PDB file of N, CA and C in Angstrom:
ATOM      1  N   MET A   1       0.843  -1.164   0.000  1.00  0.00           N
ATOM      2  CA  MET A   1       0.000   0.000   0.000  1.00  0.00           C
ATOM      3  C   MET A   1       0.899   1.242   0.000  1.00  0.00           C
ATOM      4  N   LEU A   2       0.577   2.174  -0.845  1.00  0.00           N
ATOM      5  CA  LEU A   2       1.337   3.409  -0.980  1.00  0.00           C
ATOM      6  C   LEU A   2       0.647   4.522  -0.199  1.00  0.00           C
ATOM      7  N   VAL A   3       1.379   5.121   0.708  1.00  0.00           N
ATOM      8  CA  VAL A   3       0.839   6.209   1.507  1.00  0.00           C
ATOM      9  C   VAL A   3       1.485   7.502   1.031  1.00  0.00           C
ATOM     10  N   ARG A   4       0.666   8.431   0.616  1.00  0.00           N
ATOM     11  CA  ARG A   4       1.175   9.727   0.169  1.00  0.00           C
ATOM     12  C   ARG A   4       0.886  10.764   1.249  1.00  0.00           C
ATOM     13  N   LYS A   5       1.914  11.530   1.553  1.00  0.00           N
ATOM     14  CA  LYS A   5       1.755  12.562   2.562  1.00  0.00           C
ATOM     15  C   LYS A   5       2.095  13.905   1.942  1.00  0.00           C
ATOM     16  N   ALA A   6       1.462  14.916   2.410  1.00  0.00           N
ATOM     17  CA  ALA A   6       1.736  16.265   1.928  1.00  0.00           C
ATOM     18  C   ALA A   6       1.713  17.230   3.106  1.00  0.00           C
ATOM     19  N   SER A   7       2.473  18.264   2.972  1.00  0.00           N
ATOM     20  CA  SER A   7       2.489  19.315   3.985  1.00  0.00           C
ATOM     21  C   SER A   7       2.204  20.636   3.304  1.00  0.00           C
ATOM     22  N   ARG A   8       1.467  21.468   3.971  1.00  0.00           N
ATOM     23  CA  ARG A   8       1.208  22.808   3.459  1.00  0.00           C
ATOM     24  C   ARG A   8       1.820  23.790   4.433  1.00  0.00           C
ATOM     25  N   PHE A   9       2.503  24.764   3.879  1.00  0.00           N
ATOM     26  CA  PHE A   9       3.064  25.794   4.736  1.00  0.00           C
ATOM     27  C   PHE A   9       3.085  27.105   3.975  1.00  0.00           C
ATOM     28  N   ARG A  10       3.212  28.160   4.695  1.00  0.00           N
ATOM     29  CA  ARG A  10       3.243  29.483   4.099  1.00  0.00           C
ATOM     30  C   ARG A  10       4.371  30.270   4.741  1.00  0.00           C
ATOM     31  N   LEU A  11       5.175  30.895   3.905  1.00  0.00           N
ATOM     32  CA  LEU A  11       6.241  31.745   4.416  1.00  0.00           C
ATOM     33  C   LEU A  11       5.667  33.095   4.812  1.00  0.00           C
ATOM     34  N   LYS A  12       6.105  33.599   5.915  1.00  0.00           N
ATOM     35  CA  LYS A  12       5.657  34.910   6.371  1.00  0.00           C
ATOM     36  C   LYS A  12       6.892  35.781   6.641  1.00  0.00           C
ATOM     37  N   PRO A  13       7.482  36.297   5.563  1.00  0.00           N
ATOM     38  CA  PRO A  13       8.671  37.126   5.771  1.00  0.00           C
ATOM     39  C   PRO A  13       8.290  38.484   6.345  1.00  0.00           C
ATOM     40  N   GLY A  14       9.265  39.088   7.002  1.00  0.00           N
ATOM     41  CA  GLY A  14       9.041  40.440   7.511  1.00  0.00           C
ATOM     42  C   GLY A  14       9.028  41.429   6.355  1.00  0.00           C
ATOM     43  N   ALA A  15       8.752  42.667   6.658  1.00  0.00           N
ATOM     44  CA  ALA A  15       8.632  43.696   5.617  1.00  0.00           C
ATOM     45  C   ALA A  15       9.942  43.889   4.854  1.00  0.00           C
ATOM     46  N   VAL A  16      11.060  43.861   5.568  1.00  0.00           N
ATOM     47  CA  VAL A  16      12.365  44.064   4.923  1.00  0.00           C
ATOM     48  C   VAL A  16      12.681  42.904   3.991  1.00  0.00           C
ATOM     49  N   ARG A  17      12.493  41.692   4.473  1.00  0.00           N
ATOM     50  CA  ARG A  17      12.786  40.507   3.664  1.00  0.00           C
ATOM     51  C   ARG A  17      11.845  40.417   2.460  1.00  0.00           C
ATOM     52  N   GLU A  18      10.592  40.796   2.660  1.00  0.00           N
ATOM     53  CA  GLU A  18       9.638  40.765   1.554  1.00  0.00           C
ATOM     54  C   GLU A  18      10.057  41.747   0.455  1.00  0.00           C
ATOM     55  N   GLU A  19      10.545  42.906   0.845  1.00  0.00           N
ATOM     56  CA  GLU A  19      11.014  43.895  -0.132  1.00  0.00           C
ATOM     57  C   GLU A  19      12.240  43.373  -0.884  1.00  0.00           C
ATOM     58  N   GLN A  20      13.148  42.700  -0.182  1.00  0.00           N
ATOM     59  CA  GLN A  20      14.319  42.098  -0.839  1.00  0.00           C
ATOM     60  C   GLN A  20      13.886  41.051  -1.854  1.00  0.00           C
ATOM     61  N   LEU A  21      12.936  40.214  -1.488  1.00  0.00           N
ATOM     62  CA  LEU A  21      12.440  39.190  -2.401  1.00  0.00           C
ATOM     63  C   LEU A  21      11.799  39.816  -3.635  1.00  0.00           C
ATOM     64  N   ARG A  22      11.045  40.873  -3.440  1.00  0.00           N
ATOM     65  CA  ARG A  22      10.421  41.566  -4.578  1.00  0.00           C
ATOM     66  C   ARG A  22      11.479  42.140  -5.519  1.00  0.00           C
ATOM     67  N   ARG A  23      12.537  42.726  -4.965  1.00  0.00           N
ATOM     68  CA  ARG A  23      13.609  43.278  -5.802  1.00  0.00           C
ATOM     69  C   ARG A  23      14.324  42.176  -6.565  1.00  0.00           C
ATOM     70  N   HIS A  24      14.610  41.061  -5.892  1.00  0.00           N
ATOM     71  CA  HIS A  24      15.305  39.946  -6.556  1.00  0.00           C
ATOM     72  C   HIS A  24      14.457  39.367  -7.676  1.00  0.00           C
ATOM     73  N   LEU A  25      13.166  39.194  -7.414  1.00  0.00           N
ATOM     74  CA  LEU A  25      12.274  38.674  -8.448  1.00  0.00           C
ATOM     75  C   LEU A  25      12.132  39.661  -9.599  1.00  0.00           C
ATOM     76  N   GLY A  26      12.113  40.940  -9.292  1.00  0.00           N
ATOM     77  CA  GLY A  26      12.042  41.960 -10.329  1.00  0.00           C
ATOM     78  C   GLY A  26      13.280  41.954 -11.217  1.00  0.00           C
ATOM     79  N   CYS A  27      14.448  41.763 -10.609  1.00  0.00           N
ATOM     80  CA  CYS A  27      15.687  41.688 -11.387  1.00  0.00           C
ATOM     81  C   CYS A  27      15.681  40.464 -12.296  1.00  0.00           C
ATOM     82  N   ALA A  28      15.213  39.326 -11.764  1.00  0.00           N
ATOM     83  CA  ALA A  28      15.145  38.113 -12.577  1.00  0.00           C
ATOM     84  C   ALA A  28      14.181  38.300 -13.744  1.00  0.00           C
ATOM     85  N   ARG A  29      13.049  38.931 -13.494  1.00  0.00           N
ATOM     86  CA  ARG A  29      12.084  39.193 -14.555  1.00  0.00           C
ATOM     87  C   ARG A  29      12.669  40.142 -15.600  1.00  0.00           C
ATOM     88  N   PHE A  30      13.430  41.155 -15.146  1.00  0.00           N
ATOM     89  CA  PHE A  30      14.062  42.105 -16.063  1.00  0.00           C
ATOM     90  C   PHE A  30      15.049  41.386 -16.983  1.00  0.00           C
ATOM     91  N   VAL A  31      15.881  40.514 -16.415  1.00  0.00           N
ATOM     92  CA  VAL A  31      16.872  39.784 -17.211  1.00  0.00           C
ATOM     93  C   VAL A  31      16.177  38.888 -18.219  1.00  0.00           C
ATOM     94  N   TRP A  32      15.141  38.165 -17.784  1.00  0.00           N
ATOM     95  CA  TRP A  32      14.388  37.291 -18.685  1.00  0.00           C
ATOM     96  C   TRP A  32      13.834  38.096 -19.861  1.00  0.00           C
ATOM     97  N   ASN A  33      13.144  39.204 -19.554  1.00  0.00           N
ATOM     98  CA  ASN A  33      12.511  39.999 -20.602  1.00  0.00           C
ATOM     99  C   ASN A  33      13.527  40.625 -21.547  1.00  0.00           C
ATOM    100  N   LYS A  34      14.644  41.101 -21.016  1.00  0.00           N
ATOM    101  CA  LYS A  34      15.658  41.754 -21.847  1.00  0.00           C
ATOM    102  C   LYS A  34      16.297  40.757 -22.821  1.00  0.00           C
ATOM    103  N   VAL A  35      16.672  39.598 -22.329  1.00  0.00           N
ATOM    104  CA  VAL A  35      17.298  38.595 -23.202  1.00  0.00           C
ATOM    105  C   VAL A  35      16.267  38.028 -24.179  1.00  0.00           C
ATOM    106  N   TRP A  36      15.037  37.822 -23.724  1.00  0.00           N
ATOM    107  CA  TRP A  36      13.993  37.336 -24.629  1.00  0.00           C
ATOM    108  C   TRP A  36      13.774  38.325 -25.765  1.00  0.00           C
ATOM    109  N   ARG A  37      13.719  39.621 -25.421  1.00  0.00           N
ATOM    110  CA  ARG A  37      13.525  40.659 -26.441  1.00  0.00           C
ATOM    111  C   ARG A  37      14.696  40.672 -27.428  1.00  0.00           C
ATOM    112  N   MET A  38      15.919  40.527 -26.918  1.00  0.00           N
ATOM    113  CA  MET A  38      17.097  40.495 -27.796  1.00  0.00           C
ATOM    114  C   MET A  38      17.022  39.305 -28.745  1.00  0.00           C
ATOM    115  N   ASN A  39      16.626  38.147 -28.230  1.00  0.00           N
ATOM    116  CA  ASN A  39      16.520  36.961 -29.076  1.00  0.00           C
ATOM    117  C   ASN A  39      15.397  37.111 -30.102  1.00  0.00           C
ATOM    118  N   HIS A  40      14.304  37.729 -29.698  1.00  0.00           N
ATOM    119  CA  HIS A  40      13.192  37.947 -30.622  1.00  0.00           C
ATOM    120  C   HIS A  40      13.641  38.847 -31.783  1.00  0.00           C
ATOM    121  N   GLU A  41      14.382  39.904 -31.473  1.00  0.00           N
ATOM    122  CA  GLU A  41      14.894  40.783 -32.523  1.00  0.00           C
ATOM    123  C   GLU A  41      15.894  40.056 -33.419  1.00  0.00           C
ATOM    124  N   ARG A  42      16.708  39.197 -32.819  1.00  0.00           N
ATOM    125  CA  ARG A  42      17.687  38.442 -33.609  1.00  0.00           C
ATOM    126  C   ARG A  42      16.996  37.471 -34.556  1.00  0.00           C
ATOM    127  N   LEU A  43      15.889  36.895 -34.123  1.00  0.00           N
ATOM    128  CA  LEU A  43      15.152  35.989 -35.008  1.00  0.00           C
ATOM    129  C   LEU A  43      14.632  36.728 -36.236  1.00  0.00           C
ATOM    130  N   GLU A  44      14.215  37.969 -36.040  1.00  0.00           N
ATOM    131  CA  GLU A  44      13.702  38.753 -37.163  1.00  0.00           C
ATOM    132  C   GLU A  44      14.809  39.192 -38.114  1.00  0.00           C
ATOM    133  N   ARG A  45      15.998  39.506 -37.554  1.00  0.00           N
ATOM    134  CA  ARG A  45      17.086  40.017 -38.386  1.00  0.00           C
ATOM    135  C   ARG A  45      17.962  38.921 -38.979  1.00  0.00           C
ATOM    136  N   GLY A  46      18.085  37.789 -38.305  1.00  0.00           N
ATOM    137  CA  GLY A  46      18.843  36.697 -38.871  1.00  0.00           C
ATOM    138  C   GLY A  46      20.081  36.244 -38.119  1.00  0.00           C
ATOM    139  N   PRO A  47      20.717  37.070 -37.244  1.00  0.00           N
ATOM    140  CA  PRO A  47      21.892  36.549 -36.544  1.00  0.00           C
ATOM    141  C   PRO A  47      21.499  35.441 -35.569  1.00  0.00           C
ATOM    142  N   PRO A  48      22.437  34.622 -35.168  1.00  0.00           N
ATOM    143  CA  PRO A  48      22.109  33.511 -34.263  1.00  0.00           C
ATOM    144  C   PRO A  48      21.616  34.015 -32.900  1.00  0.00           C
ATOM    145  N   LEU A  49      20.884  33.165 -32.225  1.00  0.00           N
ATOM    146  CA  LEU A  49      20.320  33.504 -30.922  1.00  0.00           C
ATOM    147  C   LEU A  49      21.404  33.635 -29.863  1.00  0.00           C
ATOM    148  N   LEU A  50      21.078  34.362 -28.803  1.00  0.00           N
ATOM    149  CA  LEU A  50      21.945  34.442 -27.631  1.00  0.00           C
ATOM    150  C   LEU A  50      21.707  33.196 -26.788  1.00  0.00           C
ATOM    151  N   TRP A  51      22.730  32.415 -26.555  1.00  0.00           N
ATOM    152  CA  TRP A  51      22.595  31.264 -25.676  1.00  0.00           C
ATOM    153  C   TRP A  51      23.010  31.685 -24.275  1.00  0.00           C
ATOM    154  N   SER A  52      22.803  30.832 -23.308  1.00  0.00           N
ATOM    155  CA  SER A  52      22.992  31.220 -21.909  1.00  0.00           C
ATOM    156  C   SER A  52      24.424  31.654 -21.610  1.00  0.00           C
ATOM    157  N   ARG A  53      25.417  31.048 -22.233  1.00  0.00           N
ATOM    158  CA  ARG A  53      26.817  31.440 -21.975  1.00  0.00           C
ATOM    159  C   ARG A  53      27.083  32.864 -22.446  1.00  0.00           C
ATOM    160  N   GLU A  54      26.650  33.174 -23.643  1.00  0.00           N
ATOM    161  CA  GLU A  54      26.848  34.520 -24.185  1.00  0.00           C
ATOM    162  C   GLU A  54      26.016  35.542 -23.409  1.00  0.00           C
ATOM    163  N   ALA A  55      24.816  35.162 -23.025  1.00  0.00           N
ATOM    164  CA  ALA A  55      23.961  36.060 -22.246  1.00  0.00           C
ATOM    165  C   ALA A  55      24.559  36.294 -20.861  1.00  0.00           C
ATOM    166  N   ASP A  56      25.240  35.294 -20.314  1.00  0.00           N
ATOM    167  CA  ASP A  56      25.888  35.439 -19.014  1.00  0.00           C
ATOM    168  C   ASP A  56      26.999  36.491 -19.083  1.00  0.00           C
ATOM    169  N   VAL A  57      27.736  36.516 -20.176  1.00  0.00           N
ATOM    170  CA  VAL A  57      28.773  37.532 -20.362  1.00  0.00           C
ATOM    171  C   VAL A  57      28.125  38.915 -20.415  1.00  0.00           C
ATOM    172  N   ARG A  58      27.021  39.024 -21.120  1.00  0.00           N
ATOM    173  CA  ARG A  58      26.305  40.303 -21.186  1.00  0.00           C
ATOM    174  C   ARG A  58      25.761  40.698 -19.819  1.00  0.00           C
ATOM    175  N   LEU A  59      25.305  39.720 -19.052  1.00  0.00           N
ATOM    176  CA  LEU A  59      24.810  39.998 -17.711  1.00  0.00           C
ATOM    177  C   LEU A  59      25.901  40.611 -16.847  1.00  0.00           C
ATOM    178  N   LYS A  60      27.110  40.092 -16.956  1.00  0.00           N
ATOM    179  CA  LYS A  60      28.235  40.646 -16.194  1.00  0.00           C
ATOM    180  C   LYS A  60      28.497  42.089 -16.598  1.00  0.00           C
ATOM    181  N   ARG A  61      28.400  42.395 -17.888  1.00  0.00           N
ATOM    182  CA  ARG A  61      28.584  43.771 -18.355  1.00  0.00           C
ATOM    183  C   ARG A  61      27.460  44.673 -17.855  1.00  0.00           C
ATOM    184  N   TRP A  62      26.234  44.157 -17.867  1.00  0.00           N
ATOM    185  CA  TRP A  62      25.107  44.948 -17.390  1.00  0.00           C
ATOM    186  C   TRP A  62      25.274  45.305 -15.915  1.00  0.00           C
ATOM    187  N   LYS A  63      25.769  44.345 -15.132  1.00  0.00           N
ATOM    188  CA  LYS A  63      25.962  44.599 -13.709  1.00  0.00           C
ATOM    189  C   LYS A  63      27.009  45.686 -13.477  1.00  0.00           C
ATOM    190  N   GLN A  64      27.990  45.785 -14.349  1.00  0.00           N
ATOM    191  CA  GLN A  64      29.045  46.785 -14.204  1.00  0.00           C
ATOM    192  C   GLN A  64      28.618  48.155 -14.711  1.00  0.00           C
ATOM    193  N   SER A  65      27.583  48.216 -15.520  1.00  0.00           N
ATOM    194  CA  SER A  65      27.147  49.488 -16.094  1.00  0.00           C
ATOM    195  C   SER A  65      26.358  50.307 -15.070  1.00  0.00           C
ATOM    196  N   ASP A  66      26.300  51.600 -15.314  1.00  0.00           N
ATOM    197  CA  ASP A  66      25.510  52.478 -14.447  1.00  0.00           C
ATOM    198  C   ASP A  66      24.019  52.315 -14.710  1.00  0.00           C
ATOM    199  N   GLU A  67      23.670  52.072 -15.958  1.00  0.00           N
ATOM    200  CA  GLU A  67      22.265  51.974 -16.339  1.00  0.00           C
ATOM    201  C   GLU A  67      21.568  50.769 -15.689  1.00  0.00           C
ATOM    202  N   HIS A  68      22.253  49.638 -15.642  1.00  0.00           N
ATOM    203  CA  HIS A  68      21.671  48.407 -15.101  1.00  0.00           C
ATOM    204  C   HIS A  68      22.377  47.962 -13.822  1.00  0.00           C
ATOM    205  N   GLY A  69      22.949  48.901 -13.101  1.00  0.00           N
ATOM    206  CA  GLY A  69      23.671  48.585 -11.873  1.00  0.00           C
ATOM    207  C   GLY A  69      22.808  47.976 -10.783  1.00  0.00           C
ATOM    208  N   PHE A  70      21.497  48.180 -10.859  1.00  0.00           N
ATOM    209  CA  PHE A  70      20.588  47.607  -9.860  1.00  0.00           C
ATOM    210  C   PHE A  70      20.639  46.086  -9.854  1.00  0.00           C
ATOM    211  N   LEU A  71      21.147  45.479 -10.940  1.00  0.00           N
ATOM    212  CA  LEU A  71      21.231  44.021 -10.998  1.00  0.00           C
ATOM    213  C   LEU A  71      22.256  43.470 -10.012  1.00  0.00           C
ATOM    214  N   ARG A  72      23.151  44.327  -9.526  1.00  0.00           N
ATOM    215  CA  ARG A  72      24.153  43.883  -8.543  1.00  0.00           C
ATOM    216  C   ARG A  72      23.497  43.460  -7.236  1.00  0.00           C
ATOM    217  N   GLU A  73      22.319  43.984  -6.948  1.00  0.00           N
ATOM    218  CA  GLU A  73      21.626  43.656  -5.699  1.00  0.00           C
ATOM    219  C   GLU A  73      21.125  42.213  -5.675  1.00  0.00           C
ATOM    220  N   ALA A  74      20.782  41.680  -6.834  1.00  0.00           N
ATOM    221  CA  ALA A  74      20.200  40.332  -6.908  1.00  0.00           C
ATOM    222  C   ALA A  74      21.309  39.276  -6.859  1.00  0.00           C
ATOM    223  N   PRO A  75      21.013  38.116  -6.290  1.00  0.00           N
ATOM    224  CA  PRO A  75      22.005  37.037  -6.278  1.00  0.00           C
ATOM    225  C   PRO A  75      22.309  36.566  -7.705  1.00  0.00           C
ATOM    226  N   SER A  76      23.577  36.376  -7.989  1.00  0.00           N
ATOM    227  CA  SER A  76      23.997  35.998  -9.344  1.00  0.00           C
ATOM    228  C   SER A  76      23.417  34.661  -9.779  1.00  0.00           C
ATOM    229  N   HIS A  77      23.368  33.703  -8.859  1.00  0.00           N
ATOM    230  CA  HIS A  77      22.894  32.375  -9.251  1.00  0.00           C
ATOM    231  C   HIS A  77      21.429  32.408  -9.687  1.00  0.00           C
ATOM    232  N   ALA A  78      20.640  33.289  -9.106  1.00  0.00           N
ATOM    233  CA  ALA A  78      19.229  33.387  -9.505  1.00  0.00           C
ATOM    234  C   ALA A  78      19.100  33.952 -10.922  1.00  0.00           C
ATOM    235  N   LEU A  79      19.913  34.951 -11.241  1.00  0.00           N
ATOM    236  CA  LEU A  79      19.867  35.546 -12.577  1.00  0.00           C
ATOM    237  C   LEU A  79      20.400  34.573 -13.621  1.00  0.00           C
ATOM    238  N   GLN A  80      21.455  33.854 -13.282  1.00  0.00           N
ATOM    239  CA  GLN A  80      22.008  32.868 -14.216  1.00  0.00           C
ATOM    240  C   GLN A  80      21.018  31.728 -14.435  1.00  0.00           C
ATOM    241  N   ARG A  81      20.279  31.370 -13.392  1.00  0.00           N
ATOM    242  CA  ARG A  81      19.251  30.326 -13.533  1.00  0.00           C
ATOM    243  C   ARG A  81      18.171  30.776 -14.518  1.00  0.00           C
ATOM    244  N   LYS A  82      17.796  32.045 -14.464  1.00  0.00           N
ATOM    245  CA  LYS A  82      16.805  32.570 -15.407  1.00  0.00           C
ATOM    246  C   LYS A  82      17.317  32.483 -16.832  1.00  0.00           C
ATOM    247  N   LEU A  83      18.609  32.735 -17.037  1.00  0.00           N
ATOM    248  CA  LEU A  83      19.181  32.617 -18.378  1.00  0.00           C
ATOM    249  C   LEU A  83      19.108  31.183 -18.876  1.00  0.00           C
ATOM    250  N   ARG A  84      19.389  30.231 -17.995  1.00  0.00           N
ATOM    251  CA  ARG A  84      19.315  28.818 -18.392  1.00  0.00           C
ATOM    252  C   ARG A  84      17.868  28.397 -18.637  1.00  0.00           C
ATOM    253  N   ASP A  85      16.946  28.917 -17.825  1.00  0.00           N
ATOM    254  CA  ASP A  85      15.522  28.618 -18.043  1.00  0.00           C
ATOM    255  C   ASP A  85      15.073  29.151 -19.406  1.00  0.00           C
ATOM    256  N   LEU A  86      15.525  30.347 -19.752  1.00  0.00           N
ATOM    257  CA  LEU A  86      15.166  30.926 -21.042  1.00  0.00           C
ATOM    258  C   LEU A  86      15.772  30.122 -22.185  1.00  0.00           C
ATOM    259  N   ASP A  87      16.949  29.591 -21.946  1.00  0.00           N
ATOM    260  CA  ASP A  87      17.607  28.747 -22.948  1.00  0.00           C
ATOM    261  C   ASP A  87      16.757  27.513 -23.266  1.00  0.00           C
ATOM    262  N   LYS A  88      16.136  26.944 -22.229  1.00  0.00           N
ATOM    263  CA  LYS A  88      15.325  25.751 -22.411  1.00  0.00           C
ATOM    264  C   LYS A  88      13.926  26.054 -22.935  1.00  0.00           C
ATOM    265  N   ALA A  89      13.474  27.290 -22.729  1.00  0.00           N
ATOM    266  CA  ALA A  89      12.097  27.646 -23.104  1.00  0.00           C
ATOM    267  C   ALA A  89      11.901  27.683 -24.602  1.00  0.00           C
TER     268      ALA A  89
END
């Protein structure tokens, strides 16, 4: 007989932690949308797509720039994971 168990829980972060999570998720969404848009334009023009390795190099440049410096706040592994997810999508 197979017994399946499940647990339900809810995270209740404080106000500061919740704001950090929102910023990190916003940065991940920004990276996803920016690389997706670049790939969409490349499909229309003809050059090859940006793969996760090349996009990772661009991500490092974006973090160093003044325009996209806010990406430094987000954990790198989360942003790189988004690039790999986009690669598979």
